[in-house]
Amino acid sequence: MSNFLAVDTSSRYLTVLAQKGDERAYIHLGECAMKHSQLIMVEADRAMKQINLKPEECDFFAAVTGPGSFTGIRIGIATAKGFALGADKPLLPITSFELIAYNVSNENFCVVIDAAHAHYYVCGFCGGEVTLPPSYMSESEVGALNLPLYGFEDLPFENYKKLDAGKCLESAVKKNTRKPSGRMHALYVRKSQAEEGRKC
């Protein structure tokens, strides 16, 4: 069984999951969007101490890489990379779409994430394969998909089911088929507001 530390700072909440053998430490804080940078190292340290896990004992470090909060994503990735560099261990990136998809049993569905201003990040799955690449859609476009929809926020769609993102992290880490490596990059489906507003 793997030893690992996984973090998710991609949205308003903060999730930290540490595992050492059969022992597990789970911390989930809601509504801390502007405090990720202040809390992440404190909570990661707290989770590892709960199960007496040292960074050098981890087989890998995982982080949710988006899409989601641009600043939050960067904080989570930087945290995982810092631990991995210091302990000379590999990285396991997990997208926000995979965070949900690894916890859904339906064969054909879409994961939907709020992108603000009545727009959404969407990715489709069927039988474990991506059928709709990560996309940026309007509310009407999402509604026209006519598929079961899943996510971790309160969204205005009839065929939508909200999952607990914090509880989804463990399954997403353990079921992920990607082998940990030295690479981890943010998944940006669209440009940030600052980039979009930049004048050429």
N, C-alpha and C. Protein backbone atom coordinates (compact mmCIF):
# COMPACT_ATOMS: atom_id res chain seq x y z
N MET A 1 0.85 -1.20 0.00
CA MET A 1 0.00 0.00 0.00
C MET A 1 0.89 1.25 0.00
N SER A 2 0.57 2.23 -0.83
CA SER A 2 1.41 3.41 -0.98
C SER A 2 1.31 4.37 0.20
N ASN A 3 2.41 5.03 0.46
CA ASN A 3 2.43 6.17 1.37
C ASN A 3 2.41 7.42 0.51
N PHE A 4 1.56 8.39 0.87
CA PHE A 4 1.49 9.59 0.05
C PHE A 4 0.88 10.77 0.82
N LEU A 5 1.09 11.94 0.24
CA LEU A 5 0.42 13.16 0.68
C LEU A 5 -0.26 13.75 -0.54
N ALA A 6 -1.56 14.05 -0.43
CA ALA A 6 -2.32 14.63 -1.54
C ALA A 6 -3.01 15.90 -1.06
N VAL A 7 -3.03 16.93 -1.91
CA VAL A 7 -3.65 18.20 -1.54
C VAL A 7 -4.57 18.68 -2.67
N ASP A 8 -5.61 19.37 -2.27
CA ASP A 8 -6.53 19.98 -3.24
C ASP A 8 -6.85 21.40 -2.79
N THR A 9 -6.38 22.37 -3.55
CA THR A 9 -6.65 23.79 -3.29
C THR A 9 -7.27 24.44 -4.52
N SER A 10 -7.93 23.63 -5.35
CA SER A 10 -8.42 24.12 -6.64
C SER A 10 -9.73 24.91 -6.56
N SER A 11 -10.37 24.90 -5.39
CA SER A 11 -11.65 25.61 -5.25
C SER A 11 -11.68 26.36 -3.92
N ARG A 12 -12.88 26.63 -3.40
CA ARG A 12 -13.01 27.43 -2.18
C ARG A 12 -12.53 26.67 -0.94
N TYR A 13 -12.51 25.36 -1.01
CA TYR A 13 -12.15 24.54 0.13
C TYR A 13 -10.65 24.18 0.10
N LEU A 14 -10.22 23.48 1.13
CA LEU A 14 -8.87 22.94 1.21
C LEU A 14 -8.97 21.51 1.71
N THR A 15 -8.39 20.57 0.97
CA THR A 15 -8.37 19.18 1.38
C THR A 15 -6.94 18.68 1.43
N VAL A 16 -6.60 18.00 2.51
CA VAL A 16 -5.29 17.37 2.66
C VAL A 16 -5.52 15.91 3.07
N LEU A 17 -4.87 15.00 2.38
CA LEU A 17 -5.00 13.58 2.67
C LEU A 17 -3.61 12.97 2.77
N ALA A 18 -3.31 12.35 3.89
CA ALA A 18 -2.03 11.67 4.08
C ALA A 18 -2.28 10.21 4.39
N GLN A 19 -1.46 9.34 3.83
CA GLN A 19 -1.61 7.91 4.10
C GLN A 19 -0.25 7.28 4.35
N LYS A 20 -0.20 6.42 5.36
CA LYS A 20 0.99 5.64 5.68
C LYS A 20 0.54 4.23 6.01
N GLY A 21 0.78 3.31 5.09
CA GLY A 21 0.29 1.94 5.28
C GLY A 21 -1.21 1.93 5.41
N ASP A 22 -1.72 1.40 6.50
CA ASP A 22 -3.18 1.34 6.72
C ASP A 22 -3.71 2.58 7.44
N GLU A 23 -2.81 3.48 7.83
CA GLU A 23 -3.22 4.68 8.55
C GLU A 23 -3.51 5.82 7.58
N ARG A 24 -4.47 6.65 7.94
CA ARG A 24 -4.92 7.71 7.05
C ARG A 24 -5.29 8.94 7.87
N ALA A 25 -4.88 10.11 7.40
CA ALA A 25 -5.26 11.38 8.03
C ALA A 25 -5.93 12.24 6.98
N TYR A 26 -7.11 12.73 7.31
CA TYR A 26 -7.92 13.50 6.35
C TYR A 26 -8.33 14.82 6.98
N ILE A 27 -8.05 15.91 6.27
CA ILE A 27 -8.43 17.25 6.74
C ILE A 27 -9.16 17.96 5.60
N HIS A 28 -10.33 18.48 5.91
CA HIS A 28 -11.10 19.22 4.89
C HIS A 28 -11.64 20.50 5.52
N LEU A 29 -11.26 21.63 4.95
CA LEU A 29 -11.71 22.93 5.44
C LEU A 29 -12.52 23.61 4.34
N GLY A 30 -13.72 24.05 4.67
CA GLY A 30 -14.56 24.72 3.68
C GLY A 30 -14.40 26.23 3.72
N GLU A 31 -14.71 26.86 2.60
CA GLU A 31 -14.73 28.32 2.50
C GLU A 31 -13.45 28.99 3.01
N CYS A 32 -12.34 28.61 2.43
CA CYS A 32 -11.07 29.25 2.81
C CYS A 32 -10.31 29.71 1.57
N ALA A 33 -11.05 30.20 0.57
CA ALA A 33 -10.48 30.52 -0.73
C ALA A 33 -9.31 31.49 -0.68
N MET A 34 -9.36 32.48 0.20
CA MET A 34 -8.30 33.48 0.24
C MET A 34 -7.21 33.13 1.25
N LYS A 35 -7.28 31.91 1.81
CA LYS A 35 -6.33 31.54 2.86
C LYS A 35 -5.51 30.29 2.52
N HIS A 36 -5.61 29.82 1.28
CA HIS A 36 -4.89 28.61 0.92
C HIS A 36 -3.39 28.71 1.22
N SER A 37 -2.80 29.82 0.85
CA SER A 37 -1.36 29.98 1.03
C SER A 37 -0.97 30.01 2.51
N GLN A 38 -1.88 30.48 3.36
CA GLN A 38 -1.60 30.54 4.80
C GLN A 38 -1.79 29.18 5.48
N LEU A 39 -2.71 28.38 4.95
CA LEU A 39 -3.12 27.15 5.63
C LEU A 39 -2.47 25.87 5.12
N ILE A 40 -2.08 25.85 3.85
CA ILE A 40 -1.70 24.58 3.22
C ILE A 40 -0.57 23.87 3.93
N MET A 41 0.51 24.58 4.27
CA MET A 41 1.64 23.92 4.91
C MET A 41 1.32 23.52 6.34
N VAL A 42 0.54 24.35 7.02
CA VAL A 42 0.14 24.03 8.40
C VAL A 42 -0.69 22.75 8.42
N GLU A 43 -1.66 22.65 7.51
CA GLU A 43 -2.55 21.49 7.50
C GLU A 43 -1.84 20.24 6.96
N ALA A 44 -0.94 20.41 6.00
CA ALA A 44 -0.17 19.27 5.51
C ALA A 44 0.70 18.70 6.62
N ASP A 45 1.34 19.58 7.36
CA ASP A 45 2.17 19.15 8.48
C ASP A 45 1.33 18.45 9.55
N ARG A 46 0.15 19.00 9.81
CA ARG A 46 -0.74 18.41 10.82
C ARG A 46 -1.19 17.01 10.40
N ALA A 47 -1.54 16.85 9.11
CA ALA A 47 -2.00 15.55 8.63
C ALA A 47 -0.89 14.51 8.72
N MET A 48 0.33 14.89 8.33
CA MET A 48 1.43 13.93 8.36
C MET A 48 1.80 13.55 9.80
N LYS A 49 1.73 14.52 10.70
CA LYS A 49 2.06 14.23 12.10
C LYS A 49 1.03 13.30 12.74
N GLN A 50 -0.22 13.39 12.30
CA GLN A 50 -1.27 12.53 12.86
C GLN A 50 -0.96 11.06 12.66
N ILE A 51 -0.28 10.72 11.57
CA ILE A 51 0.04 9.31 11.28
C ILE A 51 1.55 9.07 11.28
N ASN A 52 2.30 10.04 11.80
CA ASN A 52 3.75 9.91 11.90
C ASN A 52 4.38 9.62 10.54
N LEU A 53 3.96 10.35 9.53
CA LEU A 53 4.47 10.21 8.17
C LEU A 53 5.49 11.30 7.88
N LYS A 54 6.68 10.90 7.48
CA LYS A 54 7.72 11.86 7.11
C LYS A 54 7.75 12.00 5.60
N PRO A 55 8.07 13.19 5.06
CA PRO A 55 8.10 13.38 3.61
C PRO A 55 8.92 12.33 2.87
N GLU A 56 10.07 11.95 3.43
CA GLU A 56 10.93 10.98 2.75
C GLU A 56 10.33 9.58 2.72
N GLU A 57 9.28 9.34 3.51
CA GLU A 57 8.60 8.04 3.51
C GLU A 57 7.51 7.96 2.45
N CYS A 58 7.15 9.09 1.85
CA CYS A 58 6.10 9.11 0.83
C CYS A 58 6.61 8.49 -0.47
N ASP A 59 5.75 7.73 -1.12
CA ASP A 59 6.08 7.18 -2.43
C ASP A 59 5.87 8.22 -3.53
N PHE A 60 4.96 9.17 -3.28
CA PHE A 60 4.71 10.25 -4.22
C PHE A 60 3.91 11.34 -3.52
N PHE A 61 3.82 12.49 -4.19
CA PHE A 61 3.02 13.62 -3.72
C PHE A 61 2.02 13.97 -4.82
N ALA A 62 0.75 14.16 -4.44
CA ALA A 62 -0.31 14.42 -5.42
C ALA A 62 -0.95 15.78 -5.17
N ALA A 63 -1.44 16.39 -6.24
CA ALA A 63 -2.18 17.66 -6.14
C ALA A 63 -3.20 17.72 -7.26
N VAL A 64 -4.33 18.37 -6.96
CA VAL A 64 -5.35 18.60 -7.98
C VAL A 64 -4.90 19.81 -8.81
N THR A 65 -4.83 19.61 -10.12
CA THR A 65 -4.20 20.60 -11.01
C THR A 65 -5.18 21.45 -11.80
N GLY A 66 -6.48 21.36 -11.47
CA GLY A 66 -7.46 22.20 -12.15
C GLY A 66 -8.23 21.45 -13.22
N PRO A 67 -9.16 22.18 -13.86
CA PRO A 67 -9.38 23.63 -13.74
C PRO A 67 -10.07 24.00 -12.43
N GLY A 68 -10.02 25.30 -12.17
CA GLY A 68 -10.60 25.84 -10.95
C GLY A 68 -10.02 27.20 -10.67
N SER A 69 -9.79 27.49 -9.42
CA SER A 69 -9.20 28.76 -9.02
C SER A 69 -7.76 28.84 -9.52
N PHE A 70 -7.44 29.85 -10.33
CA PHE A 70 -6.10 29.96 -10.89
C PHE A 70 -5.04 30.05 -9.79
N THR A 71 -5.30 30.89 -8.78
CA THR A 71 -4.34 31.04 -7.69
C THR A 71 -4.27 29.78 -6.84
N GLY A 72 -5.42 29.21 -6.52
CA GLY A 72 -5.46 28.00 -5.71
C GLY A 72 -4.71 26.84 -6.35
N ILE A 73 -4.90 26.67 -7.65
CA ILE A 73 -4.22 25.60 -8.38
C ILE A 73 -2.71 25.74 -8.24
N ARG A 74 -2.22 26.95 -8.43
CA ARG A 74 -0.77 27.18 -8.37
C ARG A 74 -0.23 26.90 -6.96
N ILE A 75 -1.02 27.23 -5.94
CA ILE A 75 -0.58 26.97 -4.56
C ILE A 75 -0.46 25.47 -4.31
N GLY A 76 -1.45 24.70 -4.74
CA GLY A 76 -1.42 23.26 -4.54
C GLY A 76 -0.26 22.60 -5.28
N ILE A 77 -0.05 23.01 -6.52
CA ILE A 77 1.04 22.45 -7.32
C ILE A 77 2.39 22.80 -6.71
N ALA A 78 2.54 24.04 -6.28
CA ALA A 78 3.81 24.47 -5.68
C ALA A 78 4.09 23.68 -4.40
N THR A 79 3.05 23.41 -3.63
CA THR A 79 3.22 22.63 -2.40
C THR A 79 3.69 21.22 -2.70
N ALA A 80 3.02 20.55 -3.63
CA ALA A 80 3.40 19.18 -4.00
C ALA A 80 4.82 19.15 -4.57
N LYS A 81 5.13 20.11 -5.43
CA LYS A 81 6.47 20.15 -6.04
C LYS A 81 7.54 20.41 -4.99
N GLY A 82 7.25 21.26 -4.01
CA GLY A 82 8.21 21.54 -2.95
C GLY A 82 8.53 20.30 -2.14
N PHE A 83 7.49 19.56 -1.75
CA PHE A 83 7.70 18.32 -1.01
C PHE A 83 8.47 17.31 -1.86
N ALA A 84 8.07 17.17 -3.12
CA ALA A 84 8.70 16.18 -4.00
C ALA A 84 10.17 16.50 -4.23
N LEU A 85 10.47 17.76 -4.41
CA LEU A 85 11.87 18.16 -4.63
C LEU A 85 12.71 17.89 -3.38
N GLY A 86 12.17 18.26 -2.22
CA GLY A 86 12.91 18.07 -0.98
C GLY A 86 13.13 16.61 -0.63
N ALA A 87 12.15 15.76 -0.97
CA ALA A 87 12.25 14.34 -0.62
C ALA A 87 12.73 13.48 -1.79
N ASP A 88 12.94 14.11 -2.95
CA ASP A 88 13.36 13.40 -4.16
C ASP A 88 12.37 12.28 -4.51
N LYS A 89 11.08 12.65 -4.58
CA LYS A 89 10.01 11.71 -4.88
C LYS A 89 9.21 12.19 -6.09
N PRO A 90 8.47 11.30 -6.77
CA PRO A 90 7.69 11.70 -7.94
C PRO A 90 6.37 12.39 -7.58
N LEU A 91 5.73 12.90 -8.62
CA LEU A 91 4.48 13.66 -8.49
C LEU A 91 3.34 12.93 -9.19
N LEU A 92 2.13 13.08 -8.64
CA LEU A 92 0.94 12.53 -9.28
C LEU A 92 -0.07 13.66 -9.47
N PRO A 93 -0.22 14.17 -10.70
CA PRO A 93 -1.23 15.20 -10.96
C PRO A 93 -2.61 14.57 -11.11
N ILE A 94 -3.62 15.23 -10.56
CA ILE A 94 -5.01 14.79 -10.68
C ILE A 94 -5.84 15.99 -11.13
N THR A 95 -6.53 15.89 -12.23
CA THR A 95 -7.35 17.02 -12.67
C THR A 95 -8.62 17.09 -11.83
N SER A 96 -9.25 18.25 -11.84
CA SER A 96 -10.54 18.41 -11.14
C SER A 96 -11.59 17.49 -11.74
N PHE A 97 -11.48 17.22 -13.03
CA PHE A 97 -12.41 16.30 -13.69
C PHE A 97 -12.21 14.87 -13.17
N GLU A 98 -10.94 14.45 -13.06
CA GLU A 98 -10.65 13.11 -12.55
C GLU A 98 -11.07 12.97 -11.10
N LEU A 99 -10.95 14.04 -10.34
CA LEU A 99 -11.36 14.03 -8.94
C LEU A 99 -12.77 13.50 -8.79
N ILE A 100 -13.65 13.91 -9.68
CA ILE A 100 -15.05 13.46 -9.66
C ILE A 100 -15.23 12.16 -10.43
N ALA A 101 -14.62 12.05 -11.61
CA ALA A 101 -14.86 10.91 -12.50
C ALA A 101 -14.51 9.57 -11.87
N TYR A 102 -13.45 9.53 -11.06
CA TYR A 102 -13.06 8.28 -10.41
C TYR A 102 -14.05 7.87 -9.32
N ASN A 103 -15.05 8.69 -9.07
CA ASN A 103 -16.06 8.40 -8.04
C ASN A 103 -17.45 8.24 -8.62
N VAL A 104 -17.55 8.10 -9.93
CA VAL A 104 -18.84 7.96 -10.61
C VAL A 104 -18.89 6.59 -11.29
N SER A 105 -20.00 5.88 -11.11
CA SER A 105 -20.13 4.54 -11.69
C SER A 105 -20.84 4.54 -13.03
N ASN A 106 -21.50 5.65 -13.41
CA ASN A 106 -22.19 5.73 -14.70
C ASN A 106 -21.21 5.51 -15.84
N GLU A 107 -21.69 4.93 -16.91
CA GLU A 107 -20.83 4.69 -18.07
C GLU A 107 -20.60 5.95 -18.90
N ASN A 108 -21.64 6.78 -19.02
CA ASN A 108 -21.57 7.94 -19.92
C ASN A 108 -22.05 9.18 -19.16
N PHE A 109 -21.14 10.13 -18.90
CA PHE A 109 -21.50 11.28 -18.09
C PHE A 109 -20.51 12.41 -18.34
N CYS A 110 -20.83 13.57 -17.75
CA CYS A 110 -19.93 14.73 -17.82
C CYS A 110 -19.67 15.27 -16.43
N VAL A 111 -18.46 15.73 -16.21
CA VAL A 111 -18.11 16.45 -14.99
C VAL A 111 -18.19 17.94 -15.30
N VAL A 112 -18.85 18.69 -14.41
CA VAL A 112 -19.07 20.12 -14.64
C VAL A 112 -18.53 20.90 -13.45
N ILE A 113 -17.76 21.94 -13.74
CA ILE A 113 -17.15 22.78 -12.71
C ILE A 113 -17.46 24.24 -13.01
N ASP A 114 -17.89 24.96 -12.01
CA ASP A 114 -18.26 26.36 -12.17
C ASP A 114 -17.04 27.20 -12.58
N ALA A 115 -17.19 27.94 -13.68
CA ALA A 115 -16.12 28.82 -14.16
C ALA A 115 -16.51 30.29 -14.00
N ALA A 116 -17.63 30.54 -13.30
CA ALA A 116 -18.15 31.89 -13.04
C ALA A 116 -18.78 32.51 -14.28
N HIS A 117 -19.60 33.53 -14.05
CA HIS A 117 -20.27 34.28 -15.12
C HIS A 117 -21.11 33.36 -16.02
N ALA A 118 -21.82 32.40 -15.39
CA ALA A 118 -22.72 31.49 -16.10
C ALA A 118 -22.00 30.65 -17.15
N HIS A 119 -20.75 30.35 -16.90
CA HIS A 119 -19.98 29.46 -17.76
C HIS A 119 -19.36 28.34 -16.91
N TYR A 120 -19.00 27.25 -17.59
CA TYR A 120 -18.57 26.05 -16.88
C TYR A 120 -17.44 25.34 -17.62
N TYR A 121 -16.61 24.67 -16.83
CA TYR A 121 -15.62 23.76 -17.40
C TYR A 121 -16.27 22.39 -17.45
N VAL A 122 -16.17 21.72 -18.58
CA VAL A 122 -16.86 20.44 -18.77
C VAL A 122 -15.92 19.42 -19.40
N CYS A 123 -16.05 18.18 -18.94
CA CYS A 123 -15.29 17.07 -19.55
C CYS A 123 -16.18 15.83 -19.52
N GLY A 124 -16.25 15.12 -20.65
CA GLY A 124 -17.11 13.95 -20.76
C GLY A 124 -16.34 12.65 -20.65
N PHE A 125 -16.97 11.63 -20.04
CA PHE A 125 -16.34 10.33 -19.84
C PHE A 125 -17.30 9.20 -20.23
N CYS A 126 -16.74 8.11 -20.73
CA CYS A 126 -17.52 6.91 -21.00
C CYS A 126 -16.59 5.71 -20.85
N GLY A 127 -16.96 4.79 -19.97
CA GLY A 127 -16.14 3.61 -19.78
C GLY A 127 -14.71 3.91 -19.37
N GLY A 128 -14.51 4.98 -18.62
CA GLY A 128 -13.17 5.34 -18.17
C GLY A 128 -12.36 6.13 -19.16
N GLU A 129 -12.91 6.38 -20.35
CA GLU A 129 -12.21 7.15 -21.37
C GLU A 129 -12.83 8.53 -21.54
N VAL A 130 -12.02 9.50 -21.90
CA VAL A 130 -12.52 10.86 -22.15
C VAL A 130 -13.20 10.91 -23.50
N THR A 131 -14.47 11.30 -23.52
CA THR A 131 -15.23 11.39 -24.77
C THR A 131 -15.44 12.84 -25.20
N LEU A 132 -15.40 13.75 -24.24
CA LEU A 132 -15.47 15.18 -24.52
C LEU A 132 -14.27 15.84 -23.87
N PRO A 133 -13.31 16.32 -24.64
CA PRO A 133 -12.12 16.95 -24.05
C PRO A 133 -12.50 18.15 -23.20
N PRO A 134 -11.67 18.53 -22.23
CA PRO A 134 -11.97 19.68 -21.38
C PRO A 134 -12.40 20.89 -22.21
N SER A 135 -13.58 21.43 -21.87
CA SER A 135 -14.18 22.51 -22.66
C SER A 135 -14.71 23.61 -21.75
N TYR A 136 -14.90 24.77 -22.34
CA TYR A 136 -15.46 25.94 -21.64
C TYR A 136 -16.81 26.22 -22.28
N MET A 137 -17.91 26.06 -21.51
CA MET A 137 -19.26 26.12 -22.09
C MET A 137 -20.16 27.09 -21.34
N SER A 138 -21.16 27.60 -22.05
CA SER A 138 -22.19 28.41 -21.43
C SER A 138 -23.20 27.51 -20.73
N GLU A 139 -24.05 28.10 -19.92
CA GLU A 139 -25.05 27.32 -19.19
C GLU A 139 -25.98 26.59 -20.15
N SER A 140 -26.38 27.24 -21.23
CA SER A 140 -27.28 26.61 -22.20
C SER A 140 -26.59 25.45 -22.92
N GLU A 141 -25.31 25.58 -23.20
CA GLU A 141 -24.57 24.50 -23.86
C GLU A 141 -24.46 23.28 -22.95
N VAL A 142 -24.23 23.52 -21.67
CA VAL A 142 -24.16 22.40 -20.72
C VAL A 142 -25.53 21.73 -20.61
N GLY A 143 -26.58 22.53 -20.52
CA GLY A 143 -27.93 21.98 -20.42
C GLY A 143 -28.32 21.14 -21.62
N ALA A 144 -27.74 21.45 -22.79
CA ALA A 144 -28.09 20.73 -24.02
C ALA A 144 -27.33 19.40 -24.17
N LEU A 145 -26.43 19.10 -23.24
CA LEU A 145 -25.65 17.88 -23.37
C LEU A 145 -26.49 16.62 -23.19
N ASN A 146 -27.57 16.73 -22.42
CA ASN A 146 -28.50 15.62 -22.21
C ASN A 146 -27.79 14.37 -21.68
N LEU A 147 -26.92 14.57 -20.69
CA LEU A 147 -26.20 13.49 -20.04
C LEU A 147 -26.23 13.70 -18.53
N PRO A 148 -26.03 12.65 -17.75
CA PRO A 148 -25.88 12.85 -16.31
C PRO A 148 -24.67 13.75 -16.05
N LEU A 149 -24.83 14.69 -15.13
CA LEU A 149 -23.78 15.64 -14.81
C LEU A 149 -23.37 15.49 -13.34
N TYR A 150 -22.06 15.61 -13.09
CA TYR A 150 -21.54 15.48 -11.72
C TYR A 150 -20.54 16.59 -11.45
N GLY A 151 -20.44 16.98 -10.19
CA GLY A 151 -19.48 17.98 -9.78
C GLY A 151 -19.43 18.07 -8.27
N PHE A 152 -18.83 19.15 -7.76
CA PHE A 152 -18.71 19.30 -6.30
C PHE A 152 -19.22 20.64 -5.81
N GLU A 153 -20.04 21.32 -6.65
CA GLU A 153 -20.60 22.61 -6.27
C GLU A 153 -22.11 22.58 -6.45
N ASP A 154 -22.81 23.59 -5.97
CA ASP A 154 -24.25 23.70 -6.22
C ASP A 154 -24.45 24.34 -7.58
N LEU A 155 -24.93 23.55 -8.54
CA LEU A 155 -25.10 24.03 -9.92
C LEU A 155 -26.55 23.86 -10.37
N PRO A 156 -27.01 24.73 -11.29
CA PRO A 156 -28.44 24.80 -11.64
C PRO A 156 -28.89 23.87 -12.76
N PHE A 157 -28.55 22.59 -12.67
CA PHE A 157 -28.93 21.66 -13.74
C PHE A 157 -29.77 20.53 -13.16
N GLU A 158 -30.85 20.16 -13.89
CA GLU A 158 -31.78 19.15 -13.39
C GLU A 158 -31.12 17.77 -13.27
N ASN A 159 -30.29 17.42 -14.23
CA ASN A 159 -29.67 16.09 -14.25
C ASN A 159 -28.28 16.11 -13.61
N TYR A 160 -28.15 16.91 -12.55
CA TYR A 160 -26.85 17.11 -11.90
C TYR A 160 -26.84 16.51 -10.49
N LYS A 161 -25.71 15.89 -10.14
CA LYS A 161 -25.53 15.36 -8.79
C LYS A 161 -24.24 15.92 -8.19
N LYS A 162 -24.36 16.45 -6.99
CA LYS A 162 -23.21 17.03 -6.30
C LYS A 162 -22.54 15.97 -5.43
N LEU A 163 -21.22 15.82 -5.58
CA LEU A 163 -20.44 14.91 -4.76
C LEU A 163 -19.58 15.71 -3.77
N ASP A 164 -19.08 15.03 -2.78
CA ASP A 164 -18.22 15.66 -1.78
C ASP A 164 -16.79 15.59 -2.28
N ALA A 165 -16.24 16.73 -2.71
CA ALA A 165 -14.91 16.75 -3.31
C ALA A 165 -13.84 16.25 -2.35
N GLY A 166 -13.99 16.59 -1.07
CA GLY A 166 -13.01 16.15 -0.09
C GLY A 166 -12.96 14.64 0.00
N LYS A 167 -14.12 14.01 0.04
CA LYS A 167 -14.17 12.55 0.15
C LYS A 167 -13.78 11.87 -1.17
N CYS A 168 -13.87 12.60 -2.26
CA CYS A 168 -13.51 12.04 -3.56
C CYS A 168 -12.00 11.93 -3.76
N LEU A 169 -11.23 12.70 -3.02
CA LEU A 169 -9.79 12.78 -3.26
C LEU A 169 -9.11 11.42 -3.07
N GLU A 170 -9.49 10.68 -2.04
CA GLU A 170 -8.83 9.39 -1.78
C GLU A 170 -9.01 8.42 -2.95
N SER A 171 -10.24 8.29 -3.44
CA SER A 171 -10.49 7.39 -4.57
C SER A 171 -9.75 7.84 -5.82
N ALA A 172 -9.73 9.15 -6.05
CA ALA A 172 -9.06 9.68 -7.24
C ALA A 172 -7.56 9.39 -7.21
N VAL A 173 -6.97 9.46 -6.02
CA VAL A 173 -5.53 9.15 -5.90
C VAL A 173 -5.29 7.66 -6.10
N LYS A 174 -6.08 6.84 -5.44
CA LYS A 174 -5.82 5.40 -5.45
C LYS A 174 -6.22 4.71 -6.76
N LYS A 175 -7.24 5.25 -7.43
CA LYS A 175 -7.69 4.62 -8.68
C LYS A 175 -7.00 5.18 -9.91
N ASN A 176 -6.25 6.26 -9.74
CA ASN A 176 -5.61 6.90 -10.89
C ASN A 176 -4.66 5.93 -11.57
N THR A 177 -4.78 5.83 -12.87
CA THR A 177 -3.96 4.88 -13.63
C THR A 177 -2.64 5.51 -14.10
N ARG A 178 -2.49 6.81 -13.88
CA ARG A 178 -1.26 7.48 -14.31
C ARG A 178 -0.13 7.17 -13.34
N LYS A 179 1.03 6.82 -13.85
CA LYS A 179 2.17 6.52 -13.00
C LYS A 179 2.79 7.82 -12.51
N PRO A 180 3.08 7.95 -11.20
CA PRO A 180 3.75 9.16 -10.71
C PRO A 180 5.04 9.42 -11.46
N SER A 181 5.30 10.71 -11.74
CA SER A 181 6.49 11.08 -12.51
C SER A 181 7.05 12.38 -11.95
N GLY A 182 7.96 12.98 -12.67
CA GLY A 182 8.55 14.24 -12.23
C GLY A 182 7.82 15.46 -12.76
N ARG A 183 6.69 15.25 -13.43
CA ARG A 183 6.00 16.37 -14.09
C ARG A 183 4.64 16.64 -13.45
N MET A 184 4.32 17.93 -13.33
CA MET A 184 3.00 18.35 -12.86
C MET A 184 2.75 19.76 -13.37
N HIS A 185 1.69 19.94 -14.14
CA HIS A 185 1.36 21.23 -14.70
C HIS A 185 -0.11 21.56 -14.46
N ALA A 186 -0.42 22.83 -14.36
CA ALA A 186 -1.81 23.26 -14.19
C ALA A 186 -2.60 23.00 -15.46
N LEU A 187 -3.86 22.62 -15.30
CA LEU A 187 -4.77 22.46 -16.43
C LEU A 187 -5.63 23.71 -16.53
N TYR A 188 -5.34 24.55 -17.51
CA TYR A 188 -6.12 25.76 -17.75
C TYR A 188 -6.94 25.55 -19.01
N VAL A 189 -8.26 25.53 -18.86
CA VAL A 189 -9.15 25.34 -20.00
C VAL A 189 -9.36 26.66 -20.73
N ARG A 190 -9.21 27.76 -20.02
CA ARG A 190 -9.29 29.09 -20.63
C ARG A 190 -8.23 29.98 -19.98
N LYS A 191 -8.02 31.16 -20.56
CA LYS A 191 -7.09 32.11 -20.00
C LYS A 191 -7.68 32.74 -18.74
N SER A 192 -6.81 33.19 -17.86
CA SER A 192 -7.27 33.88 -16.66
C SER A 192 -7.90 35.22 -17.04
N GLN A 193 -8.66 35.80 -16.11
CA GLN A 193 -9.30 37.08 -16.36
C GLN A 193 -8.26 38.16 -16.67
N ALA A 194 -7.14 38.10 -15.98
CA ALA A 194 -6.08 39.09 -16.21
C ALA A 194 -5.51 38.95 -17.62
N GLU A 195 -5.32 37.69 -18.07
CA GLU A 195 -4.79 37.47 -19.41
C GLU A 195 -5.79 37.88 -20.48
N GLU A 196 -7.07 37.58 -20.24
CA GLU A 196 -8.10 37.95 -21.20
C GLU A 196 -8.25 39.46 -21.33
N GLY A 197 -8.02 40.16 -20.21
CA GLY A 197 -8.19 41.61 -20.21
C GLY A 197 -6.94 42.38 -20.60
N ARG A 198 -5.85 41.67 -20.80
CA ARG A 198 -4.60 42.32 -21.16
C ARG A 198 -4.67 42.89 -22.57
N LYS A 199 -4.24 44.11 -22.72
CA LYS A 199 -4.24 44.73 -24.03
C LYS A 199 -2.93 44.40 -24.75
N CYS A 200 -3.05 44.12 -26.02
CA CYS A 200 -1.86 43.81 -26.82
C CYS A 200 -1.12 45.11 -27.18
